[in-house]
Amino acid sequence: MNKTFGNIFKGDKVIWMVFFFLCIISIIEVYSASSQLTYKGGNYVAPVLKHISILLMGIFFMVVTLNIKCKYFRIVLPLMLGLSFVALISVYIVGQMTNGAHRWVTVMGIQFQPSEIAKGTLVLAVSQILSAMQTEKGADKQAFRYILTVCMFFIPLIMLENLSTAALLCIVVFMMMLIGRVPATQLGKLLGITTLFISGVFAMVMFFGTDRQRENSVSDVDTTQVVAENDKEESVVEKVFHRFDTWKARIDDFIYNKPLKAEEVDLDKDGQWAHANIAIASSNITGKGPGNSEECDFLSQAFSDFIYAIIIEETGIFGAVFVAMLYIILLFRTGRIANRCENNFPAFLAMGLALLLVTQALFNMCVAVGLAPVTGQPLPLISKGGTSTIINCVYIGAILSISRSAKRRGQQEEKPETAGAMVDDVMRRGIKTA
């Protein structure tokens, strides 16, 4: 029996424990935060059962991935690059709009976000470039150009419909280049150009975007006129840059988010951050207990984007710190695994995937507590989701696959398992001494 479980749960045990705790927290909190879905569907257990089925599907793909040797990840890279690029293009042609964004594509009745696949593909490509172009003094200067070339095919396509995902992905790629010892002069120039680009995008959003809620609250505009304007047929330019309105609204909410008295808060216009703050403030340090959340009935996307606020409301500061520590442990444990890898490629890949998960998690937490503008980023492996949950499980599976080979090498270095290995070790020492 133990041997059977050992064959299934291969890889680093700490990573498995972190994943196990995240899944348990996810099931409990999604069940607690899905009151709006249960009200609409009329079934209390249907949302959480669907979430559990997606988690089980993700675990299946994770087990499959952890049994794939790391060298095969390189082989599928060209195929993944092609599929990801085509999928991102298809979003603008046959993609479905949900919550004001074209992010989903339906294939054979299955709806998925191509950006989720593109994120892992880009990390895989950057890992391959950094590992192939490593020298004794760090990464070759050409590696920087190759990485930027690959990013130019993916980042702009993701950015037009999901700016926050593109920004987080850029941060992860930059940290990977730091770990890969890309020349500091190149990274410095990249930071300067990126700052100018962000400033330009910010200026365009604030100039061309329209915060309809704020304008309507200032001027007495006929609501029928606003609806008629929204129903007009969009031009090509409007279809491409329609997200400017959403971005400006979120920036305005963050900039003008000043302390207000309770009676001055507009729960219709500022419902997300207001109810999130109420959930956090009413936790009373120790929390109300699992399943006792009250703000989940009022907070939009309580089971997804703002699930961390519900966690704080129900479990208090201790639960909030525990969840944050799980992601920190995941990052540091992956760093230890990467340090044991003999080759550069699995080390870069493991760190890139861990940074992808942890960076998104920390940003989601900052949004929930009001330290960052609302972006729509779910909490990895906890928020209710479809494609994102399955893909994140695959990322964990890839890290576990890398940990298997890294662990064996670490054990062989500490204690040779066979007599032949001991003889080889003695001979190597003799040659070095001679």
Protein backbone atom coordinates (compact mmCIF):
# COMPACT_ATOMS: atom_id res chain seq x y z
CA MET A 1 0.00 0.00 0.00
CA ASN A 2 2.79 2.43 0.94
CA LYS A 3 4.59 1.53 -2.27
CA THR A 4 1.47 2.35 -4.30
CA PHE A 5 1.13 5.75 -2.66
CA GLY A 6 4.85 6.31 -3.15
CA ASN A 7 4.52 5.67 -6.86
CA ILE A 8 1.68 8.20 -7.11
CA PHE A 9 2.97 10.94 -4.80
CA LYS A 10 6.43 11.24 -6.25
CA GLY A 11 8.63 14.25 -5.83
CA ASP A 12 9.29 16.71 -3.03
CA LYS A 13 7.09 15.99 0.00
CA VAL A 14 7.03 19.62 1.15
CA ILE A 15 5.63 20.74 -2.22
CA TRP A 16 2.99 18.03 -1.90
CA MET A 17 2.04 19.23 1.60
CA VAL A 18 1.75 22.86 0.44
CA PHE A 19 -0.41 21.75 -2.48
CA PHE A 20 -2.56 19.61 -0.17
CA PHE A 21 -3.21 22.51 2.24
CA LEU A 22 -4.02 24.89 -0.62
CA CYS A 23 -6.55 22.42 -2.02
CA ILE A 24 -8.25 21.92 1.36
CA ILE A 25 -8.45 25.69 1.92
CA SER A 26 -9.77 26.10 -1.62
CA ILE A 27 -12.63 23.62 -1.17
CA ILE A 28 -13.68 25.10 2.19
CA GLU A 29 -13.53 28.74 1.11
CA VAL A 30 -15.10 28.23 -2.32
CA TYR A 31 -18.00 26.46 -0.63
CA SER A 32 -18.31 29.32 1.84
CA ALA A 33 -17.92 32.13 -0.73
CA SER A 34 -20.25 30.74 -3.42
CA SER A 35 -23.49 31.90 -1.83
CA GLN A 36 -24.32 34.05 -4.86
CA LEU A 37 -23.90 31.08 -7.19
CA THR A 38 -26.02 28.85 -4.98
CA TYR A 39 -28.74 31.49 -4.90
CA LYS A 40 -28.80 31.74 -8.69
CA GLY A 41 -28.62 27.99 -9.29
CA GLY A 42 -30.79 26.91 -6.39
CA ASN A 43 -28.31 24.21 -5.34
CA TYR A 44 -26.00 24.62 -2.35
CA VAL A 45 -23.47 21.96 -3.28
CA ALA A 46 -23.37 22.30 -7.08
CA PRO A 47 -20.67 25.07 -7.20
CA VAL A 48 -18.32 23.32 -4.80
CA LEU A 49 -18.86 19.93 -6.48
CA LYS A 50 -17.94 21.48 -9.80
CA HIS A 51 -14.87 23.04 -8.21
CA ILE A 52 -13.84 19.70 -6.68
CA SER A 53 -14.22 17.99 -10.06
CA ILE A 54 -11.95 20.61 -11.64
CA LEU A 55 -9.42 20.14 -8.84
CA LEU A 56 -9.48 16.36 -9.37
CA MET A 57 -8.95 16.90 -13.08
CA GLY A 58 -6.05 19.21 -12.26
CA ILE A 59 -4.54 16.63 -9.91
CA PHE A 60 -4.79 14.02 -12.67
CA PHE A 61 -2.86 16.23 -15.09
CA MET A 62 -0.41 17.09 -12.31
CA VAL A 63 0.36 13.40 -11.69
CA VAL A 64 0.79 12.87 -15.43
CA THR A 65 3.16 15.85 -15.63
CA LEU A 66 5.30 14.83 -12.66
CA ASN A 67 5.92 11.46 -14.34
CA ILE A 68 7.31 13.17 -17.45
CA LYS A 69 11.07 13.57 -17.45
CA CYS A 70 12.29 17.15 -17.61
CA LYS A 71 14.14 16.62 -20.91
CA TYR A 72 10.81 16.12 -22.69
CA PHE A 73 9.70 19.62 -21.71
CA ARG A 74 12.31 20.96 -24.13
CA ILE A 75 11.03 18.77 -26.94
CA VAL A 76 7.47 20.11 -26.75
CA LEU A 77 8.61 23.76 -26.63
CA PRO A 78 8.25 24.46 -30.41
CA LEU A 79 4.79 22.88 -30.43
CA MET A 80 3.71 24.86 -27.36
CA LEU A 81 4.98 28.12 -28.87
CA GLY A 82 2.93 27.57 -32.02
CA LEU A 83 -0.22 26.49 -30.21
CA SER A 84 -0.05 29.36 -27.72
CA PHE A 85 0.42 31.97 -30.44
CA VAL A 86 -2.45 30.62 -32.54
CA ALA A 87 -4.70 30.42 -29.45
CA LEU A 88 -3.95 34.03 -28.50
CA ILE A 89 -4.75 35.19 -32.04
CA SER A 90 -7.99 33.19 -32.07
CA VAL A 91 -9.23 35.12 -29.02
CA TYR A 92 -9.65 38.22 -31.18
CA ILE A 93 -11.42 36.27 -33.92
CA VAL A 94 -13.71 33.75 -32.25
CA GLY A 95 -13.19 34.60 -28.58
CA GLN A 96 -16.08 35.02 -26.19
CA MET A 97 -16.54 38.16 -24.13
CA THR A 98 -17.05 37.70 -20.41
CA ASN A 99 -17.05 40.57 -17.92
CA GLY A 100 -16.10 43.00 -20.69
CA ALA A 101 -13.03 41.13 -21.95
CA HIS A 102 -12.25 38.73 -24.80
CA ARG A 103 -10.21 36.11 -22.93
CA TRP A 104 -11.97 32.80 -23.52
CA VAL A 105 -12.02 30.40 -26.45
CA THR A 106 -14.32 27.39 -26.70
CA VAL A 107 -13.03 24.19 -28.30
CA MET A 108 -15.25 21.08 -28.40
CA GLY A 109 -17.46 22.57 -25.70
CA ILE A 110 -14.53 23.28 -23.38
CA GLN A 111 -13.89 26.93 -22.53
CA PHE A 112 -10.34 27.97 -21.68
CA GLN A 113 -8.10 31.03 -21.48
CA PRO A 114 -5.18 30.90 -23.94
CA SER A 115 -3.27 33.37 -21.78
CA GLU A 116 -2.97 30.73 -19.03
CA ILE A 117 -1.23 28.36 -21.45
CA ALA A 118 0.87 31.17 -22.93
CA LYS A 119 2.26 32.08 -19.48
CA GLY A 120 3.77 28.64 -18.92
CA THR A 121 4.98 28.47 -22.51
CA LEU A 122 6.83 31.78 -22.18
CA VAL A 123 8.48 30.66 -18.93
CA LEU A 124 9.49 27.43 -20.67
CA ALA A 125 10.99 29.36 -23.59
CA VAL A 126 12.91 31.78 -21.34
CA SER A 127 14.28 28.84 -19.33
CA GLN A 128 15.52 27.19 -22.50
CA ILE A 129 17.20 30.38 -23.76
CA LEU A 130 18.89 31.14 -20.45
CA SER A 131 20.15 27.59 -20.00
CA ALA A 132 21.42 27.25 -23.57
CA MET A 133 23.34 30.54 -23.47
CA GLN A 134 24.96 30.34 -20.04
CA THR A 135 28.70 31.05 -19.79
CA GLU A 136 31.11 31.18 -16.87
CA LYS A 137 30.44 34.92 -16.53
CA GLY A 138 26.68 34.64 -16.84
CA ALA A 139 24.21 34.66 -19.71
CA ASP A 140 25.49 35.62 -23.15
CA LYS A 141 24.42 39.05 -24.39
CA GLN A 142 22.44 37.45 -27.22
CA ALA A 143 20.16 35.73 -24.68
CA PHE A 144 18.61 39.10 -23.83
CA ARG A 145 17.66 39.71 -27.46
CA TYR A 146 16.19 36.25 -27.92
CA ILE A 147 14.08 36.59 -24.78
CA LEU A 148 12.73 39.97 -25.89
CA THR A 149 11.94 38.55 -29.32
CA VAL A 150 9.87 35.73 -27.85
CA CYS A 151 8.12 38.14 -25.47
CA MET A 152 7.16 40.44 -28.33
CA PHE A 153 5.06 37.64 -29.86
CA PHE A 154 3.11 36.99 -26.65
CA ILE A 155 3.05 39.97 -24.28
CA PRO A 156 1.22 42.44 -26.60
CA LEU A 157 -1.48 39.88 -27.44
CA ILE A 158 -2.09 39.21 -23.75
CA MET A 159 -1.85 42.87 -22.76
CA LEU A 160 -4.71 44.14 -24.94
CA GLU A 161 -7.27 42.00 -23.12
CA ASN A 162 -5.55 41.28 -19.80
CA LEU A 163 -3.12 44.00 -18.79
CA SER A 164 -2.55 42.67 -15.27
CA THR A 165 -1.58 39.21 -16.54
CA ALA A 166 0.84 40.74 -19.05
CA ALA A 167 2.38 42.93 -16.33
CA LEU A 168 2.84 40.02 -13.92
CA LEU A 169 4.35 37.92 -16.69
CA CYS A 170 6.84 40.69 -17.50
CA ILE A 171 7.84 40.83 -13.82
CA VAL A 172 8.41 37.06 -13.76
CA VAL A 173 10.51 37.14 -16.95
CA PHE A 174 12.59 40.01 -15.54
CA MET A 175 13.24 38.08 -12.29
CA MET A 176 14.21 35.03 -14.34
CA MET A 177 16.74 37.13 -16.24
CA LEU A 178 18.13 38.33 -12.90
CA ILE A 179 18.49 34.73 -11.73
CA GLY A 180 19.97 33.80 -15.14
CA ARG A 181 22.66 36.49 -14.72
CA VAL A 182 21.74 38.53 -17.76
CA PRO A 183 24.16 41.54 -17.97
CA ALA A 184 23.10 44.35 -15.65
CA THR A 185 23.54 46.99 -18.35
CA GLN A 186 20.93 45.29 -20.51
CA LEU A 187 18.51 44.94 -17.61
CA GLY A 188 19.02 48.61 -16.72
CA LYS A 189 18.17 49.69 -20.26
CA LEU A 190 15.12 47.43 -20.20
CA LEU A 191 13.91 49.05 -16.98
CA GLY A 192 14.29 52.51 -18.49
CA ILE A 193 12.43 51.61 -21.68
CA THR A 194 9.73 49.80 -19.68
CA THR A 195 9.22 52.86 -17.48
CA LEU A 196 8.74 55.06 -20.55
CA PHE A 197 6.36 52.51 -22.07
CA ILE A 198 4.27 52.25 -18.91
CA SER A 199 4.11 56.03 -18.69
CA GLY A 200 2.92 56.17 -22.31
CA VAL A 201 0.27 53.50 -21.77
CA PHE A 202 -0.88 55.23 -18.58
CA ALA A 203 -1.21 58.54 -20.43
CA MET A 204 -3.19 56.89 -23.26
CA VAL A 205 -5.52 55.17 -20.81
CA MET A 206 -6.20 58.36 -18.86
CA PHE A 207 -6.67 60.39 -22.07
CA PHE A 208 -8.66 58.00 -24.27
CA GLY A 209 -10.38 55.93 -21.56
CA THR A 210 -13.74 56.87 -20.08
CA ASP A 211 -14.73 56.25 -16.48
CA ARG A 212 -18.47 56.14 -17.10
CA GLN A 213 -19.44 55.56 -13.48
CA ARG A 214 -17.50 58.57 -12.23
CA GLU A 215 -18.74 60.80 -15.04
CA ASN A 216 -22.33 59.72 -14.49
CA SER A 217 -22.06 60.46 -10.78
CA VAL A 218 -20.79 63.98 -11.51
CA SER A 219 -23.22 64.93 -14.30
CA ASP A 220 -26.91 64.08 -14.50
CA VAL A 221 -26.83 61.98 -17.64
CA ASP A 222 -29.91 60.17 -18.86
CA THR A 223 -29.31 56.45 -18.31
CA THR A 224 -31.18 55.58 -21.48
CA GLN A 225 -28.71 57.69 -23.42
CA VAL A 226 -25.77 55.85 -21.83
CA VAL A 227 -27.30 52.46 -22.69
CA ALA A 228 -27.88 53.59 -26.26
CA GLU A 229 -24.24 54.65 -26.57
CA ASN A 230 -23.07 51.30 -25.22
CA ASP A 231 -25.27 49.44 -27.71
CA LYS A 232 -23.75 51.18 -30.72
CA GLU A 233 -21.70 49.06 -33.04
CA GLU A 234 -18.04 49.29 -32.14
CA SER A 235 -15.38 50.21 -34.65
CA VAL A 236 -12.20 48.19 -35.11
CA VAL A 237 -10.21 50.61 -32.96
CA GLU A 238 -12.84 50.48 -30.20
CA LYS A 239 -12.80 46.68 -30.22
CA VAL A 240 -9.02 46.65 -29.75
CA PHE A 241 -8.83 49.40 -27.12
CA HIS A 242 -12.18 48.90 -25.39
CA ARG A 243 -10.38 47.84 -22.21
CA PHE A 244 -9.13 51.42 -21.73
CA ASP A 245 -12.44 52.29 -20.05
CA THR A 246 -12.08 49.44 -17.55
CA TRP A 247 -8.43 50.27 -16.83
CA LYS A 248 -9.20 53.95 -16.26
CA ALA A 249 -12.09 53.10 -13.94
CA ARG A 250 -9.85 50.87 -11.84
CA ILE A 251 -7.06 53.46 -11.75
CA ASP A 252 -9.52 56.16 -10.69
CA ASP A 253 -10.91 53.92 -7.96
CA PHE A 254 -7.40 53.32 -6.63
CA ILE A 255 -6.23 56.95 -6.89
CA TYR A 256 -9.36 58.53 -5.44
CA ASN A 257 -9.78 55.87 -2.76
CA LYS A 258 -9.68 58.22 0.21
CA PRO A 259 -10.96 57.41 3.71
CA LEU A 260 -14.70 57.93 3.92
CA LYS A 261 -17.24 57.83 6.68
CA ALA A 262 -19.51 54.82 6.70
CA GLU A 263 -22.52 56.85 5.56
CA GLU A 264 -20.53 58.34 2.64
CA VAL A 265 -19.60 55.01 1.02
CA ASP A 266 -21.50 54.18 -2.16
CA LEU A 267 -21.87 50.40 -2.04
CA ASP A 268 -23.22 50.33 -5.60
CA LYS A 269 -20.30 52.17 -7.20
CA ASP A 270 -17.49 51.05 -4.89
CA GLY A 271 -18.94 47.70 -3.89
CA GLN A 272 -15.84 45.54 -4.39
CA TRP A 273 -13.32 47.38 -2.24
CA ALA A 274 -15.98 48.51 0.26
CA HIS A 275 -17.26 45.01 1.01
CA ALA A 276 -13.69 43.65 0.98
CA ASN A 277 -12.74 46.23 3.63
CA ILE A 278 -15.85 45.37 5.64
CA ALA A 279 -14.95 41.67 5.50
CA ILE A 280 -11.41 42.35 6.72
CA ALA A 281 -12.45 44.86 9.40
CA SER A 282 -15.16 42.58 10.80
CA SER A 283 -12.81 39.60 11.20
CA ASN A 284 -11.77 40.81 14.69
CA ILE A 285 -8.31 39.22 14.39
CA THR A 286 -9.52 35.67 15.16
CA GLY A 287 -12.15 35.52 12.40
CA LYS A 288 -15.78 34.45 12.38
CA GLY A 289 -15.05 30.81 11.64
CA PRO A 290 -15.24 28.81 8.38
CA GLY A 291 -18.62 29.13 6.69
CA ASN A 292 -19.68 32.18 8.71
CA SER A 293 -18.81 34.88 6.19
CA GLU A 294 -21.44 37.58 5.74
CA GLU A 295 -19.80 39.71 3.04
CA CYS A 296 -19.71 36.82 0.55
CA ASP A 297 -23.41 37.58 -0.04
CA PHE A 298 -22.56 41.11 -1.19
CA LEU A 299 -18.99 40.96 -2.51
CA SER A 300 -18.76 40.46 -6.25
CA GLN A 301 -16.41 37.60 -7.25
CA ALA A 302 -16.04 36.57 -3.60
CA PHE A 303 -15.22 33.04 -4.73
CA SER A 304 -12.54 34.20 -7.18
CA ASP A 305 -10.79 37.59 -7.18
CA PHE A 306 -11.63 38.50 -3.56
CA ILE A 307 -11.52 35.11 -1.90
CA TYR A 308 -8.56 36.24 0.24
CA ALA A 309 -10.84 38.84 1.88
CA ILE A 310 -13.28 36.04 2.74
CA ILE A 311 -10.40 33.98 4.15
CA ILE A 312 -9.45 36.88 6.42
CA GLU A 313 -13.08 37.38 7.48
CA GLU A 314 -13.49 33.73 8.45
CA THR A 315 -10.04 32.82 9.79
CA GLY A 316 -8.66 36.17 10.90
CA ILE A 317 -5.07 37.32 10.76
CA PHE A 318 -3.77 33.84 11.57
CA GLY A 319 -5.45 32.29 8.53
CA ALA A 320 -4.28 35.15 6.32
CA VAL A 321 -0.67 34.70 7.42
CA PHE A 322 -0.91 30.91 7.08
CA VAL A 323 -2.09 31.16 3.45
CA ALA A 324 0.62 33.70 2.61
CA MET A 325 3.26 31.50 4.21
CA LEU A 326 2.20 28.52 2.09
CA TYR A 327 3.15 30.44 -1.05
CA ILE A 328 6.41 31.66 0.51
CA ILE A 329 7.29 28.09 1.48
CA LEU A 330 6.51 26.98 -2.07
CA LEU A 331 8.92 29.59 -3.45
CA PHE A 332 11.78 28.84 -1.05
CA ARG A 333 11.36 25.08 -1.36
CA THR A 334 11.48 25.38 -5.14
CA GLY A 335 14.63 27.47 -4.79
CA ARG A 336 16.20 24.64 -2.79
CA ILE A 337 15.18 22.16 -5.49
CA ALA A 338 16.66 24.39 -8.19
CA ASN A 339 19.91 24.64 -6.21
CA ARG A 340 20.26 20.84 -6.34
CA CYS A 341 19.79 20.61 -10.11
CA GLU A 342 22.88 19.69 -12.11
CA ASN A 343 21.62 21.35 -15.30
CA ASN A 344 20.50 24.94 -15.70
CA PHE A 345 17.29 24.27 -17.65
CA PRO A 346 15.31 22.46 -14.91
CA ALA A 347 16.53 24.98 -12.32
CA PHE A 348 15.36 27.97 -14.37
CA LEU A 349 12.08 26.26 -15.24
CA ALA A 350 11.26 25.39 -11.63
CA MET A 351 12.04 28.89 -10.41
CA GLY A 352 10.09 30.50 -13.25
CA LEU A 353 6.96 28.46 -12.54
CA ALA A 354 7.21 29.09 -8.79
CA LEU A 355 7.64 32.82 -9.36
CA LEU A 356 4.64 32.77 -11.68
CA LEU A 357 2.42 31.26 -8.96
CA VAL A 358 3.76 33.23 -6.01
CA THR A 359 3.82 36.63 -7.75
CA GLN A 360 0.19 36.25 -8.80
CA ALA A 361 -0.77 35.12 -5.30
CA LEU A 362 0.91 38.06 -3.58
CA PHE A 363 -0.66 40.50 -6.04
CA ASN A 364 -4.11 39.03 -5.43
CA MET A 365 -3.59 39.48 -1.69
CA CYS A 366 -2.53 43.09 -2.18
CA VAL A 367 -5.71 43.75 -4.17
CA ALA A 368 -7.88 42.17 -1.47
CA VAL A 369 -6.42 44.36 1.29
CA GLY A 370 -6.48 47.54 -0.83
CA LEU A 371 -2.75 47.88 -1.56
CA ALA A 372 -3.18 47.53 -5.35
CA PRO A 373 -5.90 48.38 -7.88
CA VAL A 374 -8.46 45.73 -8.79
CA THR A 375 -7.05 43.55 -11.58
CA GLY A 376 -9.13 40.37 -11.73
CA GLN A 377 -6.25 38.05 -10.87
CA PRO A 378 -7.44 34.90 -9.03
CA LEU A 379 -5.60 33.40 -6.07
CA PRO A 380 -3.69 30.41 -7.54
CA LEU A 381 -4.96 26.98 -6.46
CA ILE A 382 -7.52 28.53 -4.09
CA SER A 383 -9.90 30.66 -6.17
CA LYS A 384 -12.71 28.99 -8.06
CA GLY A 385 -11.66 28.59 -11.68
CA GLY A 386 -11.45 26.33 -14.67
CA THR A 387 -8.44 26.70 -16.96
CA SER A 388 -6.35 28.52 -14.37
CA THR A 389 -6.82 25.79 -11.75
CA ILE A 390 -5.87 22.99 -14.12
CA ILE A 391 -2.88 24.86 -15.56
CA ASN A 392 -1.61 25.77 -12.09
CA CYS A 393 -1.78 22.07 -11.15
CA VAL A 394 0.31 21.30 -14.23
CA TYR A 395 2.87 23.89 -13.06
CA ILE A 396 3.09 22.14 -9.68
CA GLY A 397 3.47 18.83 -11.51
CA ALA A 398 6.41 20.21 -13.51
CA ILE A 399 8.10 21.40 -10.30
CA LEU A 400 7.58 17.95 -8.74
CA SER A 401 9.02 16.30 -11.84
CA ILE A 402 12.13 18.44 -11.53
CA SER A 403 12.36 17.69 -7.80
CA ARG A 404 12.49 13.95 -8.51
CA SER A 405 15.70 14.11 -10.56
CA ALA A 406 17.20 16.82 -8.35
CA LYS A 407 16.55 14.74 -5.23
CA ARG A 408 18.24 11.66 -6.70
CA ARG A 409 21.31 13.66 -7.64
CA GLY A 410 21.44 15.19 -4.15
CA GLN A 411 21.28 11.76 -2.53
CA GLN A 412 23.99 10.41 -4.81
CA GLU A 413 26.26 13.30 -3.95
CA GLU A 414 25.73 12.82 -0.20
CA LYS A 415 25.91 9.01 -0.09
CA PRO A 416 26.79 6.83 -3.11
CA GLU A 417 24.26 4.01 -3.32
CA THR A 418 26.43 1.36 -5.02
CA ALA A 419 29.98 0.06 -4.76
CA GLY A 420 30.61 1.09 -8.36
CA ALA A 421 29.57 4.63 -7.52
CA MET A 422 31.95 4.64 -4.53
CA VAL A 423 34.86 3.46 -6.71
CA ASP A 424 34.10 6.10 -9.31
CA ASP A 425 34.04 8.74 -6.60
CA VAL A 426 37.45 7.64 -5.25
CA MET A 427 38.94 7.57 -8.76
CA ARG A 428 37.71 11.10 -9.47
CA ARG A 429 39.30 12.35 -6.27
CA GLY A 430 42.55 10.62 -7.17
CA ILE A 431 42.65 12.20 -10.60
CA LYS A 432 41.98 15.66 -9.12
CA THR A 433 44.77 15.16 -6.55
CA ALA A 434 47.22 14.04 -9.24
